[in-house]
Amino acid sequence: MNTTLRRSDPLEIFSGVLLTMGMHVLAIISGIFIILGSNAVSRWGGWAHTLSSPITYFSILALLLLGLTQFIYVVPLLAWLQEQQKIGQKTGVMFGAMLTVVLNGGYFFWLVMLLR
């Protein structure tokens, strides 16, 4: 296995970053649909009403902590890319994930400083 950089690696790295950002968009959209769905279910009453509030709060927390919750879908993707020997894309996915964690950490630092 040759892990040295090839000429096509910058394009593969960029496609890995785009893949990570696309997965983030899908996670955000699905989180919004879960929040909207659980709020709609809460109007039914009964047992559905007791489940809708924790689901809503968990979904909002998951959206706010996207830097941490991304590992649910990034780690299996990294394992699959390693298995397929797509080292450039794997590097791009790792870069995109680290970028998300850093930006999310900066957001929370800003929020803590704002609320202080």
PDB file of N, CA and C in Angstrom:
ATOM      1  N   MET A   1       0.846  -1.173   0.000  1.00  0.00           N
ATOM      2  CA  MET A   1       0.000   0.000   0.000  1.00  0.00           C
ATOM      3  C   MET A   1       0.893   1.239   0.000  1.00  0.00           C
ATOM      4  N   ASN A   2       0.708   2.089  -0.943  1.00  0.00           N
ATOM      5  CA  ASN A   2       1.502   3.290  -1.092  1.00  0.00           C
ATOM      6  C   ASN A   2       0.734   4.468  -0.494  1.00  0.00           C
ATOM      7  N   THR A   3       1.268   5.052   0.569  1.00  0.00           N
ATOM      8  CA  THR A   3       0.573   6.156   1.235  1.00  0.00           C
ATOM      9  C   THR A   3       1.171   7.510   0.881  1.00  0.00           C
ATOM     10  N   THR A   4       2.110   7.563  -0.057  1.00  0.00           N
ATOM     11  CA  THR A   4       2.673   8.843  -0.454  1.00  0.00           C
ATOM     12  C   THR A   4       1.645   9.612  -1.275  1.00  0.00           C
ATOM     13  N   LEU A   5       1.782  10.934  -1.248  1.00  0.00           N
ATOM     14  CA  LEU A   5       0.837  11.780  -1.980  1.00  0.00           C
ATOM     15  C   LEU A   5       1.046  11.623  -3.483  1.00  0.00           C
ATOM     16  N   ARG A   6      -0.049  11.448  -4.170  1.00  0.00           N
ATOM     17  CA  ARG A   6      -0.033  11.378  -5.627  1.00  0.00           C
ATOM     18  C   ARG A   6      -0.571  12.683  -6.169  1.00  0.00           C
ATOM     19  N   ARG A   7      -0.568  12.822  -7.462  1.00  0.00           N
ATOM     20  CA  ARG A   7      -1.061  14.026  -8.097  1.00  0.00           C
ATOM     21  C   ARG A   7      -2.564  14.199  -7.901  1.00  0.00           C
ATOM     22  N   SER A   8      -3.328  13.120  -7.809  1.00  0.00           N
ATOM     23  CA  SER A   8      -4.785  13.213  -7.684  1.00  0.00           C
ATOM     24  C   SER A   8      -5.231  13.372  -6.237  1.00  0.00           C
ATOM     25  N   ASP A   9      -4.310  13.318  -5.281  1.00  0.00           N
ATOM     26  CA  ASP A   9      -4.689  13.389  -3.881  1.00  0.00           C
ATOM     27  C   ASP A   9      -5.391  14.691  -3.479  1.00  0.00           C
ATOM     28  N   PRO A  10      -4.979  15.881  -3.952  1.00  0.00           N
ATOM     29  CA  PRO A  10      -5.719  17.083  -3.550  1.00  0.00           C
ATOM     30  C   PRO A  10      -7.200  17.024  -3.940  1.00  0.00           C
ATOM     31  N   LEU A  11      -7.501  16.462  -5.091  1.00  0.00           N
ATOM     32  CA  LEU A  11      -8.899  16.326  -5.501  1.00  0.00           C
ATOM     33  C   LEU A  11      -9.624  15.297  -4.637  1.00  0.00           C
ATOM     34  N   GLU A  12      -8.950  14.216  -4.288  1.00  0.00           N
ATOM     35  CA  GLU A  12      -9.558  13.208  -3.421  1.00  0.00           C
ATOM     36  C   GLU A  12      -9.781  13.761  -2.016  1.00  0.00           C
ATOM     37  N   ILE A  13      -8.833  14.536  -1.513  1.00  0.00           N
ATOM     38  CA  ILE A  13      -8.982  15.150  -0.192  1.00  0.00           C
ATOM     39  C   ILE A  13     -10.157  16.112  -0.201  1.00  0.00           C
ATOM     40  N   PHE A  14     -10.262  16.916  -1.243  1.00  0.00           N
ATOM     41  CA  PHE A  14     -11.377  17.858  -1.355  1.00  0.00           C
ATOM     42  C   PHE A  14     -12.711  17.126  -1.426  1.00  0.00           C
ATOM     43  N   SER A  15     -12.751  16.014  -2.166  1.00  0.00           N
ATOM     44  CA  SER A  15     -14.003  15.249  -2.239  1.00  0.00           C
ATOM     45  C   SER A  15     -14.354  14.635  -0.885  1.00  0.00           C
ATOM     46  N   GLY A  16     -13.347  14.274  -0.085  1.00  0.00           N
ATOM     47  CA  GLY A  16     -13.601  13.771   1.263  1.00  0.00           C
ATOM     48  C   GLY A  16     -14.187  14.845   2.166  1.00  0.00           C
ATOM     49  N   VAL A  17     -13.661  16.071   2.059  1.00  0.00           N
ATOM     50  CA  VAL A  17     -14.206  17.184   2.847  1.00  0.00           C
ATOM     51  C   VAL A  17     -15.646  17.460   2.425  1.00  0.00           C
ATOM     52  N   LEU A  18     -15.904  17.457   1.123  1.00  0.00           N
ATOM     53  CA  LEU A  18     -17.272  17.667   0.643  1.00  0.00           C
ATOM     54  C   LEU A  18     -18.209  16.549   1.101  1.00  0.00           C
ATOM     55  N   LEU A  19     -17.712  15.327   1.135  1.00  0.00           N
ATOM     56  CA  LEU A  19     -18.510  14.202   1.615  1.00  0.00           C
ATOM     57  C   LEU A  19     -18.887  14.398   3.083  1.00  0.00           C
ATOM     58  N   THR A  20     -17.926  14.851   3.876  1.00  0.00           N
ATOM     59  CA  THR A  20     -18.203  15.108   5.295  1.00  0.00           C
ATOM     60  C   THR A  20     -19.233  16.217   5.460  1.00  0.00           C
ATOM     61  N   MET A  21     -19.084  17.298   4.728  1.00  0.00           N
ATOM     62  CA  MET A  21     -20.029  18.408   4.844  1.00  0.00           C
ATOM     63  C   MET A  21     -21.423  18.009   4.346  1.00  0.00           C
ATOM     64  N   GLY A  22     -21.475  17.178   3.318  1.00  0.00           N
ATOM     65  CA  GLY A  22     -22.771  16.686   2.843  1.00  0.00           C
ATOM     66  C   GLY A  22     -23.460  15.816   3.885  1.00  0.00           C
ATOM     67  N   MET A  23     -22.672  15.013   4.592  1.00  0.00           N
ATOM     68  CA  MET A  23     -23.248  14.187   5.645  1.00  0.00           C
ATOM     69  C   MET A  23     -23.731  15.054   6.807  1.00  0.00           C
ATOM     70  N   HIS A  24     -23.036  16.158   7.075  1.00  0.00           N
ATOM     71  CA  HIS A  24     -23.493  17.089   8.107  1.00  0.00           C
ATOM     72  C   HIS A  24     -24.840  17.705   7.719  1.00  0.00           C
ATOM     73  N   VAL A  25     -24.964  18.074   6.460  1.00  0.00           N
ATOM     74  CA  VAL A  25     -26.233  18.653   5.990  1.00  0.00           C
ATOM     75  C   VAL A  25     -27.365  17.639   6.160  1.00  0.00           C
ATOM     76  N   LEU A  26     -27.113  16.381   5.800  1.00  0.00           N
ATOM     77  CA  LEU A  26     -28.139  15.346   5.979  1.00  0.00           C
ATOM     78  C   LEU A  26     -28.474  15.133   7.453  1.00  0.00           C
ATOM     79  N   ALA A  27     -27.467  15.203   8.333  1.00  0.00           N
ATOM     80  CA  ALA A  27     -27.715  15.049   9.769  1.00  0.00           C
ATOM     81  C   ALA A  27     -28.545  16.210  10.305  1.00  0.00           C
ATOM     82  N   ILE A  28     -28.266  17.417   9.841  1.00  0.00           N
ATOM     83  CA  ILE A  28     -29.030  18.580  10.289  1.00  0.00           C
ATOM     84  C   ILE A  28     -30.471  18.497   9.796  1.00  0.00           C
ATOM     85  N   ILE A  29     -30.654  18.124   8.536  1.00  0.00           N
ATOM     86  CA  ILE A  29     -32.013  18.008   7.990  1.00  0.00           C
ATOM     87  C   ILE A  29     -32.790  16.920   8.715  1.00  0.00           C
ATOM     88  N   SER A  30     -32.162  15.781   8.966  1.00  0.00           N
ATOM     89  CA  SER A  30     -32.872  14.715   9.671  1.00  0.00           C
ATOM     90  C   SER A  30     -33.174  15.124  11.112  1.00  0.00           C
ATOM     91  N   GLY A  31     -32.280  15.863  11.761  1.00  0.00           N
ATOM     92  CA  GLY A  31     -32.542  16.358  13.111  1.00  0.00           C
ATOM     93  C   GLY A  31     -33.724  17.305  13.149  1.00  0.00           C
ATOM     94  N   ILE A  32     -33.814  18.171  12.153  1.00  0.00           N
ATOM     95  CA  ILE A  32     -34.953  19.094  12.082  1.00  0.00           C
ATOM     96  C   ILE A  32     -36.248  18.322  11.876  1.00  0.00           C
ATOM     97  N   PHE A  33     -36.231  17.319  10.996  1.00  0.00           N
ATOM     98  CA  PHE A  33     -37.439  16.515  10.789  1.00  0.00           C
ATOM     99  C   PHE A  33     -37.827  15.728  12.038  1.00  0.00           C
ATOM    100  N   ILE A  34     -36.846  15.254  12.793  1.00  0.00           N
ATOM    101  CA  ILE A  34     -37.154  14.547  14.039  1.00  0.00           C
ATOM    102  C   ILE A  34     -37.794  15.500  15.039  1.00  0.00           C
ATOM    103  N   ILE A  35     -37.266  16.720  15.135  1.00  0.00           N
ATOM    104  CA  ILE A  35     -37.853  17.703  16.050  1.00  0.00           C
ATOM    105  C   ILE A  35     -39.279  18.041  15.636  1.00  0.00           C
ATOM    106  N   LEU A  36     -39.478  18.299  14.344  1.00  0.00           N
ATOM    107  CA  LEU A  36     -40.830  18.626  13.871  1.00  0.00           C
ATOM    108  C   LEU A  36     -41.780  17.448  14.044  1.00  0.00           C
ATOM    109  N   GLY A  37     -41.295  16.238  13.776  1.00  0.00           N
ATOM    110  CA  GLY A  37     -42.142  15.051  13.923  1.00  0.00           C
ATOM    111  C   GLY A  37     -42.500  14.779  15.362  1.00  0.00           C
ATOM    112  N   SER A  38     -41.540  14.961  16.270  1.00  0.00           N
ATOM    113  CA  SER A  38     -41.855  14.704  17.673  1.00  0.00           C
ATOM    114  C   SER A  38     -42.805  15.753  18.227  1.00  0.00           C
ATOM    115  N   ASN A  39     -42.717  16.981  17.726  1.00  0.00           N
ATOM    116  CA  ASN A  39     -43.671  17.998  18.153  1.00  0.00           C
ATOM    117  C   ASN A  39     -45.064  17.703  17.613  1.00  0.00           C
ATOM    118  N   ALA A  40     -45.148  17.178  16.396  1.00  0.00           N
ATOM    119  CA  ALA A  40     -46.452  16.815  15.843  1.00  0.00           C
ATOM    120  C   ALA A  40     -47.051  15.638  16.601  1.00  0.00           C
ATOM    121  N   VAL A  41     -46.216  14.674  16.990  1.00  0.00           N
ATOM    122  CA  VAL A  41     -46.687  13.508  17.728  1.00  0.00           C
ATOM    123  C   VAL A  41     -47.149  13.907  19.124  1.00  0.00           C
ATOM    124  N   SER A  42     -46.538  14.946  19.696  1.00  0.00           N
ATOM    125  CA  SER A  42     -46.904  15.349  21.054  1.00  0.00           C
ATOM    126  C   SER A  42     -48.345  15.844  21.122  1.00  0.00           C
ATOM    127  N   ARG A  43     -48.896  16.260  20.022  1.00  0.00           N
ATOM    128  CA  ARG A  43     -50.284  16.732  20.004  1.00  0.00           C
ATOM    129  C   ARG A  43     -51.281  15.576  20.085  1.00  0.00           C
ATOM    130  N   TRP A  44     -50.801  14.345  19.821  1.00  0.00           N
ATOM    131  CA  TRP A  44     -51.696  13.189  19.879  1.00  0.00           C
ATOM    132  C   TRP A  44     -52.064  12.847  21.312  1.00  0.00           C
ATOM    133  N   GLY A  45     -51.173  13.159  22.249  1.00  0.00           N
ATOM    134  CA  GLY A  45     -51.427  12.848  23.647  1.00  0.00           C
ATOM    135  C   GLY A  45     -51.032  11.423  23.979  1.00  0.00           C
ATOM    136  N   GLY A  46     -51.312  11.000  25.199  1.00  0.00           N
ATOM    137  CA  GLY A  46     -51.016   9.634  25.627  1.00  0.00           C
ATOM    138  C   GLY A  46     -49.531   9.389  25.743  1.00  0.00           C
ATOM    139  N   TRP A  47     -49.115   8.151  25.422  1.00  0.00           N
ATOM    140  CA  TRP A  47     -47.703   7.763  25.551  1.00  0.00           C
ATOM    141  C   TRP A  47     -46.808   8.532  24.590  1.00  0.00           C
ATOM    142  N   ALA A  48     -47.350   8.921  23.445  1.00  0.00           N
ATOM    143  CA  ALA A  48     -46.545   9.668  22.478  1.00  0.00           C
ATOM    144  C   ALA A  48     -46.159  11.038  23.047  1.00  0.00           C
ATOM    145  N   HIS A  49     -47.034  11.596  23.850  1.00  0.00           N
ATOM    146  CA  HIS A  49     -46.747  12.899  24.443  1.00  0.00           C
ATOM    147  C   HIS A  49     -45.585  12.802  25.430  1.00  0.00           C
ATOM    148  N   THR A  50     -45.488  11.702  26.155  1.00  0.00           N
ATOM    149  CA  THR A  50     -44.404  11.555  27.128  1.00  0.00           C
ATOM    150  C   THR A  50     -43.056  11.327  26.455  1.00  0.00           C
ATOM    151  N   LEU A  51     -43.039  10.771  25.250  1.00  0.00           N
ATOM    152  CA  LEU A  51     -41.778  10.542  24.539  1.00  0.00           C
ATOM    153  C   LEU A  51     -41.323  11.741  23.724  1.00  0.00           C
ATOM    154  N   SER A  52     -42.233  12.608  23.319  1.00  0.00           N
ATOM    155  CA  SER A  52     -41.886  13.669  22.378  1.00  0.00           C
ATOM    156  C   SER A  52     -40.955  14.711  22.987  1.00  0.00           C
ATOM    157  N   SER A  53     -41.126  15.032  24.238  1.00  0.00           N
ATOM    158  CA  SER A  53     -40.289  16.056  24.855  1.00  0.00           C
ATOM    159  C   SER A  53     -38.822  15.618  24.953  1.00  0.00           C
ATOM    160  N   PRO A  54     -38.506  14.410  25.461  1.00  0.00           N
ATOM    161  CA  PRO A  54     -37.087  14.003  25.483  1.00  0.00           C
ATOM    162  C   PRO A  54     -36.483  13.873  24.090  1.00  0.00           C
ATOM    163  N   ILE A  55     -37.250  13.414  23.133  1.00  0.00           N
ATOM    164  CA  ILE A  55     -36.742  13.287  21.763  1.00  0.00           C
ATOM    165  C   ILE A  55     -36.415  14.665  21.207  1.00  0.00           C
ATOM    166  N   THR A  56     -37.282  15.626  21.452  1.00  0.00           N
ATOM    167  CA  THR A  56     -37.035  16.984  20.974  1.00  0.00           C
ATOM    168  C   THR A  56     -35.780  17.566  21.606  1.00  0.00           C
ATOM    169  N   TYR A  57     -35.652  17.438  22.924  1.00  0.00           N
ATOM    170  CA  TYR A  57     -34.477  17.994  23.597  1.00  0.00           C
ATOM    171  C   TYR A  57     -33.198  17.297  23.161  1.00  0.00           C
ATOM    172  N   PHE A  58     -33.239  15.972  22.996  1.00  0.00           N
ATOM    173  CA  PHE A  58     -32.059  15.244  22.543  1.00  0.00           C
ATOM    174  C   PHE A  58     -31.677  15.658  21.129  1.00  0.00           C
ATOM    175  N   SER A  59     -32.659  15.853  20.257  1.00  0.00           N
ATOM    176  CA  SER A  59     -32.377  16.253  18.877  1.00  0.00           C
ATOM    177  C   SER A  59     -31.777  17.650  18.818  1.00  0.00           C
ATOM    178  N   ILE A  60     -32.299  18.562  19.630  1.00  0.00           N
ATOM    179  CA  ILE A  60     -31.735  19.912  19.659  1.00  0.00           C
ATOM    180  C   ILE A  60     -30.300  19.867  20.177  1.00  0.00           C
ATOM    181  N   LEU A  61     -30.055  19.084  21.218  1.00  0.00           N
ATOM    182  CA  LEU A  61     -28.704  18.948  21.759  1.00  0.00           C
ATOM    183  C   LEU A  61     -27.765  18.322  20.726  1.00  0.00           C
ATOM    184  N   ALA A  62     -28.262  17.328  19.999  1.00  0.00           N
ATOM    185  CA  ALA A  62     -27.435  16.686  18.967  1.00  0.00           C
ATOM    186  C   ALA A  62     -27.090  17.667  17.848  1.00  0.00           C
ATOM    187  N   LEU A  63     -28.036  18.529  17.489  1.00  0.00           N
ATOM    188  CA  LEU A  63     -27.747  19.525  16.455  1.00  0.00           C
ATOM    189  C   LEU A  63     -26.735  20.554  16.951  1.00  0.00           C
ATOM    190  N   LEU A  64     -26.843  20.937  18.224  1.00  0.00           N
ATOM    191  CA  LEU A  64     -25.894  21.898  18.768  1.00  0.00           C
ATOM    192  C   LEU A  64     -24.508  21.301  18.936  1.00  0.00           C
ATOM    193  N   LEU A  65     -24.448  20.027  19.216  1.00  0.00           N
ATOM    194  CA  LEU A  65     -23.165  19.349  19.415  1.00  0.00           C
ATOM    195  C   LEU A  65     -22.770  18.542  18.181  1.00  0.00           C
ATOM    196  N   LEU A  66     -22.957  19.115  17.015  1.00  0.00           N
ATOM    197  CA  LEU A  66     -22.669  18.404  15.768  1.00  0.00           C
ATOM    198  C   LEU A  66     -21.222  17.932  15.716  1.00  0.00           C
ATOM    199  N   GLY A  67     -20.318  18.669  16.330  1.00  0.00           N
ATOM    200  CA  GLY A  67     -18.914  18.257  16.351  1.00  0.00           C
ATOM    201  C   GLY A  67     -18.701  16.937  17.060  1.00  0.00           C
ATOM    202  N   LEU A  68     -19.527  16.637  18.065  1.00  0.00           N
ATOM    203  CA  LEU A  68     -19.406  15.370  18.784  1.00  0.00           C
ATOM    204  C   LEU A  68     -20.260  14.274  18.170  1.00  0.00           C
ATOM    205  N   THR A  69     -21.473  14.629  17.752  1.00  0.00           N
ATOM    206  CA  THR A  69     -22.376  13.605  17.219  1.00  0.00           C
ATOM    207  C   THR A  69     -21.978  13.145  15.822  1.00  0.00           C
ATOM    208  N   GLN A  70     -21.081  13.872  15.168  1.00  0.00           N
ATOM    209  CA  GLN A  70     -20.666  13.464  13.828  1.00  0.00           C
ATOM    210  C   GLN A  70     -19.922  12.133  13.841  1.00  0.00           C
ATOM    211  N   PHE A  71     -19.356  11.760  14.981  1.00  0.00           N
ATOM    212  CA  PHE A  71     -18.589  10.522  15.044  1.00  0.00           C
ATOM    213  C   PHE A  71     -19.472   9.293  14.843  1.00  0.00           C
ATOM    214  N   ILE A  72     -20.781   9.450  15.015  1.00  0.00           N
ATOM    215  CA  ILE A  72     -21.701   8.339  14.775  1.00  0.00           C
ATOM    216  C   ILE A  72     -21.652   7.907  13.318  1.00  0.00           C
ATOM    217  N   TYR A  73     -21.475   8.850  12.418  1.00  0.00           N
ATOM    218  CA  TYR A  73     -21.441   8.492  10.996  1.00  0.00           C
ATOM    219  C   TYR A  73     -20.065   8.666  10.368  1.00  0.00           C
ATOM    220  N   VAL A  74     -19.151   9.372  10.997  1.00  0.00           N
ATOM    221  CA  VAL A  74     -17.820   9.565  10.411  1.00  0.00           C
ATOM    222  C   VAL A  74     -16.926   8.347  10.640  1.00  0.00           C
ATOM    223  N   VAL A  75     -16.979   7.761  11.825  1.00  0.00           N
ATOM    224  CA  VAL A  75     -16.110   6.616  12.125  1.00  0.00           C
ATOM    225  C   VAL A  75     -16.399   5.421  11.198  1.00  0.00           C
ATOM    226  N   PRO A  76     -17.668   5.027  10.994  1.00  0.00           N
ATOM    227  CA  PRO A  76     -17.903   3.938  10.023  1.00  0.00           C
ATOM    228  C   PRO A  76     -17.467   4.300   8.606  1.00  0.00           C
ATOM    229  N   LEU A  77     -17.633   5.569   8.226  1.00  0.00           N
ATOM    230  CA  LEU A  77     -17.193   5.998   6.899  1.00  0.00           C
ATOM    231  C   LEU A  77     -15.678   5.892   6.770  1.00  0.00           C
ATOM    232  N   LEU A  78     -14.952   6.268   7.812  1.00  0.00           N
ATOM    233  CA  LEU A  78     -13.494   6.142   7.784  1.00  0.00           C
ATOM    234  C   LEU A  78     -13.060   4.684   7.678  1.00  0.00           C
ATOM    235  N   ALA A  79     -13.751   3.813   8.394  1.00  0.00           N
ATOM    236  CA  ALA A  79     -13.421   2.382   8.318  1.00  0.00           C
ATOM    237  C   ALA A  79     -13.686   1.854   6.916  1.00  0.00           C
ATOM    238  N   TRP A  80     -14.794   2.278   6.312  1.00  0.00           N
ATOM    239  CA  TRP A  80     -15.112   1.823   4.959  1.00  0.00           C
ATOM    240  C   TRP A  80     -14.099   2.357   3.943  1.00  0.00           C
ATOM    241  N   LEU A  81     -13.706   3.625   4.081  1.00  0.00           N
ATOM    242  CA  LEU A  81     -12.716   4.191   3.163  1.00  0.00           C
ATOM    243  C   LEU A  81     -11.356   3.516   3.324  1.00  0.00           C
ATOM    244  N   GLN A  82     -11.002   3.134   4.552  1.00  0.00           N
ATOM    245  CA  GLN A  82      -9.758   2.402   4.779  1.00  0.00           C
ATOM    246  C   GLN A  82      -9.811   1.038   4.102  1.00  0.00           C
ATOM    247  N   GLU A  83     -10.978   0.391   4.212  1.00  0.00           N
ATOM    248  CA  GLU A  83     -11.150  -0.920   3.581  1.00  0.00           C
ATOM    249  C   GLU A  83     -11.056  -0.824   2.059  1.00  0.00           C
ATOM    250  N   GLN A  84     -11.588   0.268   1.509  1.00  0.00           N
ATOM    251  CA  GLN A  84     -11.541   0.484   0.060  1.00  0.00           C
ATOM    252  C   GLN A  84     -10.194   1.047  -0.399  1.00  0.00           C
ATOM    253  N   GLN A  85      -9.303   1.336   0.534  1.00  0.00           N
ATOM    254  CA  GLN A  85      -7.980   1.897   0.275  1.00  0.00           C
ATOM    255  C   GLN A  85      -8.053   3.237  -0.451  1.00  0.00           C
ATOM    256  N   LYS A  86      -9.007   4.067  -0.025  1.00  0.00           N
ATOM    257  CA  LYS A  86      -9.138   5.422  -0.566  1.00  0.00           C
ATOM    258  C   LYS A  86      -8.545   6.377   0.468  1.00  0.00           C
ATOM    259  N   ILE A  87      -7.233   6.436   0.487  1.00  0.00           N
ATOM    260  CA  ILE A  87      -6.504   7.171   1.509  1.00  0.00           C
ATOM    261  C   ILE A  87      -6.739   8.672   1.377  1.00  0.00           C
ATOM    262  N   GLY A  88      -6.812   9.189   0.157  1.00  0.00           N
ATOM    263  CA  GLY A  88      -7.033  10.621  -0.047  1.00  0.00           C
ATOM    264  C   GLY A  88      -8.381  11.071   0.485  1.00  0.00           C
ATOM    265  N   GLN A  89      -9.423  10.313   0.169  1.00  0.00           N
ATOM    266  CA  GLN A  89     -10.756  10.658   0.671  1.00  0.00           C
ATOM    267  C   GLN A  89     -10.825  10.505   2.181  1.00  0.00           C
ATOM    268  N   LYS A  90     -10.164   9.490   2.716  1.00  0.00           N
ATOM    269  CA  LYS A  90     -10.140   9.290   4.165  1.00  0.00           C
ATOM    270  C   LYS A  90      -9.486  10.487   4.842  1.00  0.00           C
ATOM    271  N   THR A  91      -8.400  10.984   4.273  1.00  0.00           N
ATOM    272  CA  THR A  91      -7.737  12.165   4.813  1.00  0.00           C
ATOM    273  C   THR A  91      -8.664  13.372   4.768  1.00  0.00           C
ATOM    274  N   GLY A  92      -9.402  13.527   3.674  1.00  0.00           N
ATOM    275  CA  GLY A  92     -10.350  14.636   3.549  1.00  0.00           C
ATOM    276  C   GLY A  92     -11.487  14.541   4.547  1.00  0.00           C
ATOM    277  N   VAL A  93     -11.994  13.340   4.778  1.00  0.00           N
ATOM    278  CA  VAL A  93     -13.068  13.154   5.760  1.00  0.00           C
ATOM    279  C   VAL A  93     -12.554  13.490   7.158  1.00  0.00           C
ATOM    280  N   MET A  94     -11.338  13.058   7.477  1.00  0.00           N
ATOM    281  CA  MET A  94     -10.766  13.382   8.790  1.00  0.00           C
ATOM    282  C   MET A  94     -10.545  14.889   8.935  1.00  0.00           C
ATOM    283  N   PHE A  95     -10.098  15.535   7.875  1.00  0.00           N
ATOM    284  CA  PHE A  95      -9.901  16.984   7.913  1.00  0.00           C
ATOM    285  C   PHE A  95     -11.235  17.700   8.103  1.00  0.00           C
ATOM    286  N   GLY A  96     -12.264  17.272   7.377  1.00  0.00           N
ATOM    287  CA  GLY A  96     -13.587  17.879   7.522  1.00  0.00           C
ATOM    288  C   GLY A  96     -14.163  17.675   8.916  1.00  0.00           C
ATOM    289  N   ALA A  97     -13.938  16.491   9.485  1.00  0.00           N
ATOM    290  CA  ALA A  97     -14.433  16.218  10.844  1.00  0.00           C
ATOM    291  C   ALA A  97     -13.704  17.079  11.865  1.00  0.00           C
ATOM    292  N   MET A  98     -12.390  17.212  11.721  1.00  0.00           N
ATOM    293  CA  MET A  98     -11.634  18.053  12.653  1.00  0.00           C
ATOM    294  C   MET A  98     -12.024  19.525  12.505  1.00  0.00           C
ATOM    295  N   LEU A  99     -12.262  19.961  11.281  1.00  0.00           N
ATOM    296  CA  LEU A  99     -12.707  21.330  11.042  1.00  0.00           C
ATOM    297  C   LEU A  99     -14.049  21.586  11.725  1.00  0.00           C
ATOM    298  N   THR A 100     -14.943  20.619  11.659  1.00  0.00           N
ATOM    299  CA  THR A 100     -16.246  20.743  12.308  1.00  0.00           C
ATOM    300  C   THR A 100     -16.097  20.832  13.823  1.00  0.00           C
ATOM    301  N   VAL A 101     -15.233  20.012  14.401  1.00  0.00           N
ATOM    302  CA  VAL A 101     -15.016  20.044  15.850  1.00  0.00           C
ATOM    303  C   VAL A 101     -14.435  21.394  16.269  1.00  0.00           C
ATOM    304  N   VAL A 102     -13.473  21.908  15.516  1.00  0.00           N
ATOM    305  CA  VAL A 102     -12.850  23.188  15.858  1.00  0.00           C
ATOM    306  C   VAL A 102     -13.867  24.324  15.743  1.00  0.00           C
ATOM    307  N   LEU A 103     -14.645  24.347  14.672  1.00  0.00           N
ATOM    308  CA  LEU A 103     -15.651  25.402  14.504  1.00  0.00           C
ATOM    309  C   LEU A 103     -16.735  25.310  15.568  1.00  0.00           C
ATOM    310  N   ASN A 104     -17.140  24.079  15.907  1.00  0.00           N
ATOM    311  CA  ASN A 104     -18.141  23.898  16.946  1.00  0.00           C
ATOM    312  C   ASN A 104     -17.588  24.338  18.295  1.00  0.00           C
ATOM    313  N   GLY A 105     -16.339  24.037  18.586  1.00  0.00           N
ATOM    314  CA  GLY A 105     -15.716  24.493  19.829  1.00  0.00           C
ATOM    315  C   GLY A 105     -15.619  26.003  19.888  1.00  0.00           C
ATOM    316  N   GLY A 106     -15.298  26.629  18.772  1.00  0.00           N
ATOM    317  CA  GLY A 106     -15.259  28.087  18.713  1.00  0.00           C
ATOM    318  C   GLY A 106     -16.629  28.702  18.947  1.00  0.00           C
ATOM    319  N   TYR A 107     -17.654  28.060  18.412  1.00  0.00           N
ATOM    320  CA  TYR A 107     -19.024  28.527  18.621  1.00  0.00           C
ATOM    321  C   TYR A 107     -19.386  28.474  20.100  1.00  0.00           C
ATOM    322  N   PHE A 108     -19.057  27.375  20.772  1.00  0.00           N
ATOM    323  CA  PHE A 108     -19.393  27.266  22.186  1.00  0.00           C
ATOM    324  C   PHE A 108     -18.550  28.204  23.043  1.00  0.00           C
ATOM    325  N   PHE A 109     -17.298  28.430  22.677  1.00  0.00           N
ATOM    326  CA  PHE A 109     -16.491  29.399  23.394  1.00  0.00           C
ATOM    327  C   PHE A 109     -17.104  30.791  23.271  1.00  0.00           C
ATOM    328  N   TRP A 110     -17.511  31.161  22.070  1.00  0.00           N
ATOM    329  CA  TRP A 110     -18.168  32.447  21.833  1.00  0.00           C
ATOM    330  C   TRP A 110     -19.464  32.545  22.633  1.00  0.00           C
ATOM    331  N   LEU A 111     -20.247  31.461  22.666  1.00  0.00           N
ATOM    332  CA  LEU A 111     -21.502  31.463  23.383  1.00  0.00           C
ATOM    333  C   LEU A 111     -21.283  31.610  24.895  1.00  0.00           C
ATOM    334  N   VAL A 112     -20.278  30.929  25.430  1.00  0.00           N
ATOM    335  CA  VAL A 112     -19.970  31.055  26.858  1.00  0.00           C
ATOM    336  C   VAL A 112     -19.512  32.472  27.185  1.00  0.00           C
ATOM    337  N   MET A 113     -18.683  33.048  26.349  1.00  0.00           N
ATOM    338  CA  MET A 113     -18.222  34.413  26.576  1.00  0.00           C
ATOM    339  C   MET A 113     -19.370  35.406  26.468  1.00  0.00           C
ATOM    340  N   LEU A 114     -20.309  35.140  25.593  1.00  0.00           N
ATOM    341  CA  LEU A 114     -21.471  36.022  25.406  1.00  0.00           C
ATOM    342  C   LEU A 114     -22.399  35.972  26.606  1.00  0.00           C
ATOM    343  N   LEU A 115     -22.584  34.777  27.167  1.00  0.00           N
ATOM    344  CA  LEU A 115     -23.508  34.609  28.287  1.00  0.00           C
ATOM    345  C   LEU A 115     -22.875  34.920  29.636  1.00  0.00           C
ATOM    346  N   ARG A 116     -21.605  35.176  29.660  1.00  0.00           N
ATOM    347  CA  ARG A 116     -20.890  35.449  30.905  1.00  0.00           C
ATOM    348  C   ARG A 116     -21.195  36.764  31.474  1.00  0.00           C
TER     349      ARG A 116
END
